[in-house]
Protein backbone atom coordinates (compact mmCIF):
# COMPACT_ATOMS: atom_id res chain seq x y z
CA MET A 1 0.00 0.00 0.00
CA ALA A 2 1.45 3.33 -1.05
CA THR A 3 1.97 6.04 1.53
CA VAL A 4 0.72 9.47 0.49
CA ALA A 5 1.36 12.52 2.65
CA LEU A 6 -1.03 15.46 2.49
CA SER A 7 1.88 17.73 1.74
CA ASP A 8 2.57 15.70 -1.42
CA ILE A 9 -0.85 16.30 -2.94
CA TYR A 10 -2.27 19.47 -1.42
CA ASN A 11 -3.18 22.18 -3.91
CA PRO A 12 -5.59 24.81 -2.48
CA LEU A 13 -7.28 25.59 -5.79
CA VAL A 14 -7.87 21.94 -6.63
CA PHE A 15 -9.16 21.12 -3.14
CA ALA A 16 -11.55 24.07 -2.96
CA ALA A 17 -13.05 23.57 -6.43
CA SER A 18 -13.30 19.78 -6.19
CA ALA A 19 -14.86 19.76 -2.74
CA GLN A 20 -17.43 22.41 -3.73
CA GLU A 21 -18.47 20.58 -6.89
CA LYS A 22 -18.78 17.24 -5.16
CA GLN A 23 -20.74 18.52 -2.18
CA LEU A 24 -23.33 19.86 -4.62
CA GLU A 25 -23.57 16.42 -6.25
CA LEU A 26 -23.88 14.64 -2.90
CA ASN A 27 -26.51 16.94 -1.37
CA ARG A 28 -29.81 15.08 -1.79
CA PHE A 29 -31.94 18.20 -1.43
CA ILE A 30 -30.07 19.79 -4.31
CA ALA A 31 -30.31 16.59 -6.38
CA SER A 32 -34.08 16.45 -5.78
CA GLY A 33 -34.61 20.09 -6.71
CA VAL A 34 -35.81 21.12 -3.24
CA MET A 35 -32.82 23.44 -2.86
CA VAL A 36 -31.48 25.54 -5.71
CA GLY A 37 -28.49 27.82 -5.92
CA SER A 38 -29.03 31.55 -6.32
CA PRO A 39 -26.43 33.75 -8.03
CA VAL A 40 -28.17 36.75 -6.41
CA ILE A 41 -27.52 35.36 -2.93
CA ASP A 42 -23.97 34.40 -3.93
CA ALA A 43 -23.32 38.03 -4.83
CA MET A 44 -25.02 39.44 -1.74
CA ALA A 45 -23.28 37.01 0.61
CA SER A 46 -19.90 37.92 -0.85
CA ASN A 47 -20.30 41.64 -0.13
CA GLY A 48 -19.68 41.36 3.60
CA GLY A 49 -21.98 41.14 6.59
CA ASN A 50 -23.83 38.09 7.81
CA ILE A 51 -27.45 39.29 7.41
CA GLY A 52 -29.14 40.17 4.13
CA GLU A 53 -32.58 41.04 2.80
CA LEU A 54 -34.41 39.48 -0.14
CA PRO A 55 -37.26 41.78 -1.24
CA PHE A 56 -40.37 40.37 -2.91
CA PHE A 57 -43.69 41.58 -4.31
CA LEU A 58 -46.97 40.17 -3.06
CA PRO A 59 -49.40 38.52 -5.53
CA LEU A 60 -51.77 40.92 -7.29
CA GLY A 61 -54.73 39.35 -5.51
CA THR A 62 -58.18 38.33 -6.69
CA THR A 63 -60.03 41.66 -6.63
CA GLU A 64 -62.67 41.75 -9.36
CA PRO A 65 -61.54 43.91 -12.29
CA ASN A 66 -63.19 47.13 -13.39
CA TYR A 67 -65.74 46.99 -16.16
CA SER A 68 -65.14 49.48 -18.94
CA ASN A 69 -67.85 51.97 -19.86
CA ASP A 70 -68.36 55.06 -22.00
CA ALA A 71 -68.75 57.51 -19.09
CA PRO A 72 -65.84 60.00 -19.27
CA GLY A 73 -66.26 61.04 -15.65
CA THR A 74 -65.44 57.63 -14.20
CA SER A 75 -61.85 56.65 -13.55
CA SER A 76 -60.03 53.51 -12.60
CA THR A 77 -58.45 53.51 -9.14
CA PRO A 78 -55.06 51.77 -9.32
CA LEU A 79 -54.37 49.01 -6.86
CA GLY A 80 -51.16 49.12 -4.87
CA LEU A 81 -48.33 46.65 -5.34
CA GLY A 82 -47.67 45.11 -1.95
CA ASP A 83 -44.12 44.12 -1.10
CA GLY A 84 -42.15 42.59 1.72
CA LYS A 85 -38.78 41.18 2.55
CA MET A 86 -37.17 37.92 3.58
CA VAL A 87 -34.17 38.14 5.88
CA TYR A 88 -31.44 35.49 5.69
CA ARG A 89 -28.38 34.86 7.84
CA LEU A 90 -25.01 33.71 6.57
CA ALA A 91 -23.29 30.81 8.34
CA THR A 92 -19.49 30.97 8.37
CA GLN A 93 -18.18 27.54 9.27
CA ASN A 94 -14.97 25.58 9.31
CA GLN A 95 -13.64 22.14 10.12
CA SER A 96 -10.20 20.55 10.16
CA TRP A 97 -8.86 17.03 9.82
CA SER A 98 -5.55 15.44 10.64
CA VAL A 99 -3.95 12.49 8.88
CA MET A 100 -5.35 10.32 11.66
CA ASP A 101 -8.87 11.34 10.61
CA ILE A 102 -8.46 11.13 6.86
CA SER A 103 -6.02 8.18 6.82
CA ARG A 104 -2.57 8.85 5.50
CA GLU A 105 -2.37 5.59 3.63
CA ILE A 106 -4.55 5.85 0.56
CA ALA A 107 -4.42 2.87 -1.75
CA LEU A 108 -6.17 4.61 -4.62
CA ILE A 109 -5.10 5.88 -8.00
CA ASP A 110 -6.27 9.41 -7.17
CA PRO A 111 -5.64 10.40 -3.52
CA VAL A 112 -6.92 13.94 -4.15
CA GLU A 113 -10.24 12.44 -5.22
CA ALA A 114 -10.33 10.29 -2.10
CA ILE A 115 -9.79 13.18 0.31
CA THR A 116 -11.94 15.78 -1.43
CA SER A 117 -14.81 13.27 -1.66
CA ARG A 118 -14.70 12.78 2.09
CA ILE A 119 -14.62 16.51 2.77
CA ALA A 120 -17.40 17.10 0.23
CA GLN A 121 -19.54 14.45 1.93
CA TYR A 122 -18.98 16.16 5.28
CA TRP A 123 -20.20 19.54 3.97
CA ALA A 124 -23.08 18.02 1.99
CA THR A 125 -24.31 16.26 5.13
CA ASN A 126 -23.83 19.44 7.18
CA ASN A 127 -25.88 21.51 4.74
CA GLU A 128 -28.61 18.87 4.67
CA ARG A 129 -28.75 19.08 8.47
CA ARG A 130 -28.98 22.86 8.35
CA LEU A 131 -31.88 22.62 5.91
CA ILE A 132 -33.70 20.08 8.10
CA GLU A 133 -33.15 22.08 11.29
CA SER A 134 -34.44 25.18 9.47
CA ALA A 135 -37.51 23.14 8.55
CA ARG A 136 -37.93 22.21 12.23
CA GLY A 137 -37.80 25.88 13.16
CA ILE A 138 -40.42 26.67 10.53
CA ILE A 139 -42.67 23.93 11.91
CA ALA A 140 -42.23 25.21 15.47
CA ASP A 141 -43.06 28.76 14.34
CA ASN A 142 -46.10 27.51 12.44
CA ILE A 143 -47.45 25.79 15.55
CA ALA A 144 -46.73 28.81 17.76
CA ASN A 145 -47.89 31.61 15.47
CA ASP A 146 -49.89 30.37 12.47
CA SER A 147 -52.40 27.89 13.93
CA SER A 148 -50.50 24.90 12.47
CA ASP A 149 -51.96 25.63 9.04
CA MET A 150 -49.09 23.84 7.28
CA ILE A 151 -49.34 20.70 9.44
CA ASN A 152 -51.56 17.62 9.33
CA ASP A 153 -51.08 16.06 12.78
CA ILE A 154 -52.61 12.59 13.14
CA SER A 155 -50.27 11.49 15.93
CA ILE A 156 -51.48 10.62 19.40
CA ALA A 157 -49.88 11.83 22.62
CA ILE A 158 -52.13 10.45 25.32
CA ASP A 159 -51.40 7.36 27.40
CA THR A 160 -52.57 4.79 24.92
CA ALA A 161 -51.01 2.78 22.12
CA ALA A 162 -50.90 4.33 18.67
CA THR A 163 -52.92 2.58 15.95
CA ASP A 164 -52.81 2.60 12.16
CA ALA A 165 -55.01 5.71 12.28
CA ASN A 166 -52.01 7.54 13.77
CA ARG A 167 -49.50 6.28 11.20
CA ILE A 168 -48.65 7.29 7.65
CA ASP A 169 -50.76 6.06 4.76
CA GLY A 170 -51.85 7.34 1.38
CA ASP A 171 -54.89 9.20 2.69
CA ALA A 172 -52.81 11.00 5.32
CA VAL A 173 -50.39 12.23 2.65
CA ILE A 174 -53.27 13.48 0.51
CA ASP A 175 -54.76 15.33 3.49
CA THR A 176 -51.35 16.92 4.12
CA ILE A 177 -51.10 18.11 0.52
CA GLN A 178 -54.56 19.65 0.95
CA THR A 179 -53.13 22.13 3.49
CA MET A 180 -51.94 23.97 0.36
CA GLY A 181 -55.40 23.86 -1.22
CA ASP A 182 -55.33 24.32 -4.98
CA HIS A 183 -51.56 24.88 -4.88
CA GLY A 184 -50.88 21.35 -3.61
CA GLU A 185 -49.45 20.19 -6.94
CA MET A 186 -46.43 22.42 -6.26
CA LEU A 187 -45.13 19.78 -3.82
CA SER A 188 -42.55 17.61 -5.57
CA ALA A 189 -40.47 15.90 -2.86
CA MET A 190 -40.81 14.49 0.64
CA ALA A 191 -38.24 13.89 3.38
CA VAL A 192 -38.91 10.97 5.73
CA HIS A 193 -37.26 9.11 8.59
CA SER A 194 -36.29 5.52 7.81
CA VAL A 195 -39.07 4.26 10.16
CA ILE A 196 -41.61 6.04 7.96
CA TYR A 197 -39.90 4.82 4.81
CA ARG A 198 -40.07 1.17 5.93
CA ARG A 199 -43.78 1.51 6.66
CA MET A 200 -44.30 3.02 3.22
CA GLN A 201 -42.51 -0.02 1.79
CA LYS A 202 -44.79 -2.39 3.71
CA LEU A 203 -47.86 -0.55 2.45
CA ASN A 204 -46.50 -0.64 -1.13
CA LEU A 205 -46.75 3.13 -1.32
CA LEU A 206 -43.43 3.62 -3.10
CA ASP A 207 -43.18 3.80 -6.85
CA THR A 208 -40.59 1.91 -8.85
CA LEU A 209 -37.13 3.27 -8.20
CA ILE A 210 -35.53 5.37 -10.89
CA PRO A 211 -32.32 3.42 -11.61
CA ALA A 212 -29.00 4.91 -10.59
CA SER A 213 -26.70 6.24 -13.30
CA ASP A 214 -23.20 7.66 -13.37
CA GLY A 215 -22.55 6.33 -9.88
CA LYS A 216 -25.36 8.38 -8.34
CA VAL A 217 -27.84 7.03 -5.79
CA ALA A 218 -31.12 5.64 -7.14
CA ILE A 219 -34.10 7.96 -6.73
CA ARG A 220 -37.11 6.79 -4.73
CA THR A 221 -40.51 8.28 -5.59
CA TYR A 222 -44.04 8.33 -4.20
CA GLN A 223 -46.78 9.45 -6.57
CA GLY A 224 -44.11 11.22 -8.58
CA LYS A 225 -42.58 12.91 -5.54
CA VAL A 226 -38.91 12.28 -4.82
CA VAL A 227 -38.47 10.56 -1.44
CA ILE A 228 -35.45 11.56 0.65
CA VAL A 229 -34.70 9.23 3.55
CA ASP A 230 -32.84 10.99 6.35
CA ASP A 231 -32.63 9.82 9.96
CA SER A 232 -31.77 13.31 11.15
CA LEU A 233 -35.56 13.70 11.05
CA VAL A 234 -35.44 12.01 14.43
CA GLY A 235 -38.56 10.87 16.23
CA VAL A 236 -39.63 12.94 19.22
CA SER A 237 -41.05 11.38 22.38
CA TYR A 238 -44.29 12.70 23.83
CA GLY A 239 -43.06 11.41 27.18
CA THR A 240 -46.23 9.50 27.97
CA THR A 241 -46.73 5.90 29.10
CA PRO A 242 -46.56 3.99 26.85
CA VAL A 243 -44.09 6.32 25.19
CA ASN A 244 -45.47 7.52 21.87
CA ILE A 245 -42.98 8.91 19.38
CA TYR A 246 -43.95 11.23 16.55
CA TYR A 247 -42.16 11.70 13.25
CA ASP A 248 -42.46 14.65 10.88
CA THR A 249 -42.66 13.85 7.19
CA ILE A 250 -41.95 17.05 5.28
CA LEU A 251 -43.20 17.74 1.76
CA PHE A 252 -41.39 20.38 -0.29
CA GLY A 253 -41.90 22.12 -3.57
CA ALA A 254 -39.13 22.57 -6.11
CA GLY A 255 -36.87 25.44 -5.12
CA GLU A 256 -38.50 25.96 -1.71
CA PHE A 257 -34.99 26.46 -0.30
CA VAL A 258 -32.44 28.71 -1.96
CA SER A 259 -28.74 28.58 -1.26
CA GLY A 260 -25.78 30.83 -1.78
CA GLU A 261 -22.10 30.83 -1.00
CA GLY A 262 -20.25 33.80 0.39
CA ARG A 263 -16.61 34.64 -0.07
CA VAL A 264 -14.04 32.99 2.19
CA ASN A 265 -10.53 34.47 2.21
CA VAL A 266 -8.83 31.08 2.58
CA PRO A 267 -11.25 28.26 1.69
CA SER A 268 -8.75 25.53 2.47
CA GLU A 269 -5.38 25.45 4.15
CA PHE A 270 -2.67 22.93 4.93
CA ASN A 271 -0.52 22.90 8.04
CA ARG A 272 2.20 20.60 9.35
CA LEU A 273 3.06 20.31 13.04
CA PRO A 274 6.52 18.78 13.21
CA ASP A 275 6.55 18.49 17.04
CA ALA A 276 3.30 16.52 17.27
CA GLY A 277 3.48 12.82 17.99
CA ASN A 278 6.66 13.35 19.99
CA GLY A 279 8.42 14.58 16.89
CA GLY A 280 6.79 12.17 14.47
CA GLY A 281 4.85 15.04 12.95
CA GLU A 282 1.19 15.64 12.14
CA GLU A 283 -0.46 17.06 9.04
CA ARG A 284 -3.74 18.99 9.14
CA LEU A 285 -6.13 20.13 6.47
CA TYR A 286 -8.60 22.99 7.13
CA SER A 287 -11.79 23.64 5.19
CA ARG A 288 -13.88 26.81 5.46
CA ARG A 289 -17.27 27.78 4.04
CA ALA A 290 -19.77 30.62 4.14
CA ASP A 291 -23.26 29.34 3.33
CA VAL A 292 -26.76 30.71 3.07
CA ILE A 293 -29.56 28.12 3.16
CA HIS A 294 -32.91 29.88 3.27
CA PRO A 295 -36.57 28.85 2.83
CA LEU A 296 -38.64 31.00 0.49
CA GLY A 297 -41.53 32.73 2.20
CA PHE A 298 -39.84 33.15 5.58
CA GLN A 299 -37.51 35.55 7.30
CA PHE A 300 -34.89 34.66 9.85
CA LEU A 301 -35.40 36.94 12.84
CA SER A 302 -32.13 36.17 14.68
CA ALA A 303 -34.10 36.55 17.90
CA SER A 304 -32.12 33.83 19.63
CA VAL A 305 -28.64 33.57 18.12
CA ALA A 306 -25.65 33.71 20.43
CA GLY A 307 -22.79 33.97 17.93
CA GLN A 308 -22.04 35.30 14.47
CA SER A 309 -23.74 32.32 12.83
CA ALA A 310 -26.83 30.37 13.80
CA THR A 311 -26.08 26.88 15.02
CA GLN A 312 -28.18 23.91 13.96
CA ALA A 313 -29.96 24.03 17.33
CA GLU A 314 -30.70 27.74 16.87
CA LEU A 315 -32.11 27.13 13.40
CA ALA A 316 -34.70 24.82 14.99
CA LEU A 317 -36.11 27.51 17.32
CA ALA A 318 -39.54 28.98 16.60
CA ALA A 319 -38.39 32.39 17.86
CA ASN A 320 -35.98 32.74 14.94
CA TRP A 321 -38.54 32.37 12.14
CA ASP A 322 -41.54 34.22 10.76
CA ARG A 323 -43.60 33.44 7.67
CA VAL A 324 -44.00 36.41 5.32
CA TYR A 325 -45.77 34.68 2.38
CA ASN A 326 -49.40 33.69 2.16
CA ARG A 327 -49.75 30.04 3.19
CA LYS A 328 -50.62 28.83 -0.33
CA ASN A 329 -47.48 30.40 -1.75
CA VAL A 330 -45.21 28.42 0.58
CA SER A 331 -44.58 24.98 -0.93
CA PHE A 332 -44.05 23.27 2.41
CA ALA A 333 -46.35 20.87 4.28
CA VAL A 334 -45.88 18.50 7.20
CA LEU A 335 -47.45 15.19 8.14
CA ARG A 336 -46.94 14.32 11.82
CA THR A 337 -47.50 10.65 12.66
CA ASN A 338 -46.55 8.02 15.22
CA GLY A 339 -44.89 5.93 12.55
């Protein structure tokens, strides 16, 4: 097995570009179309500062139009164009790895590929977690401030065993889509915990898998909606006896989350510590990112953020979110079940 030192292969430009490209490929929310990149946010996030505003115009509404006549003294009264703003917050993050973490001995033809793939997977997973925790915060805000109008909750919390009426099935999904009314067809993907996914398998709810190609993961679908299985959608205990656990299945529309990348002065950096290991030496690789991951139709209030960037736990707080779109214009719906 060949020994490859980081110092032999490290090139900052290659590492930064390769890791960025691969993390986009590996992010399942990007692959499904739930999250899309925004050049506008890229530009705004690169101008400095960690908070930005995304202005928007409200729909023109459904007011009945004027009816034309031949009376010269009557005039049309123009309607106003309503507007608003979404506020996002940039997350500046970093992580480092030593040769003990990455493994110095790489028996592959392309060691750069091996290392950048691992780093890309780390950031892809991190950004998926930030999206899911943002979704949790949106759900918490919806319960606290918007009468749970985006949520179909069929779970049970009282001291009794859950039944099939409290678990996912086709009717429950349809009822969840109906929270969007006549805009329900905007929903194109759903994120589920593996417990929910296995039940969907048992009920034969899943469509035939779209075969994998080019080394990518096969796509699961349900009634044409891409299914993303992610156990970071952890079940939550109601704390009753018997303990009932609820799971949130989240349905998204295409492009419900937008992402952008800010400028980082030194995206990646290599360092060698010759004294480490009692003189044996240690090599370290640092990776830095500045990301915006933001749901359309909401603003981030930063009401409970301790540092410069919101942590995953802070993203999940109701106090940090507020919906600014009409409910039907937010392609986001939640089914809460006991399994």
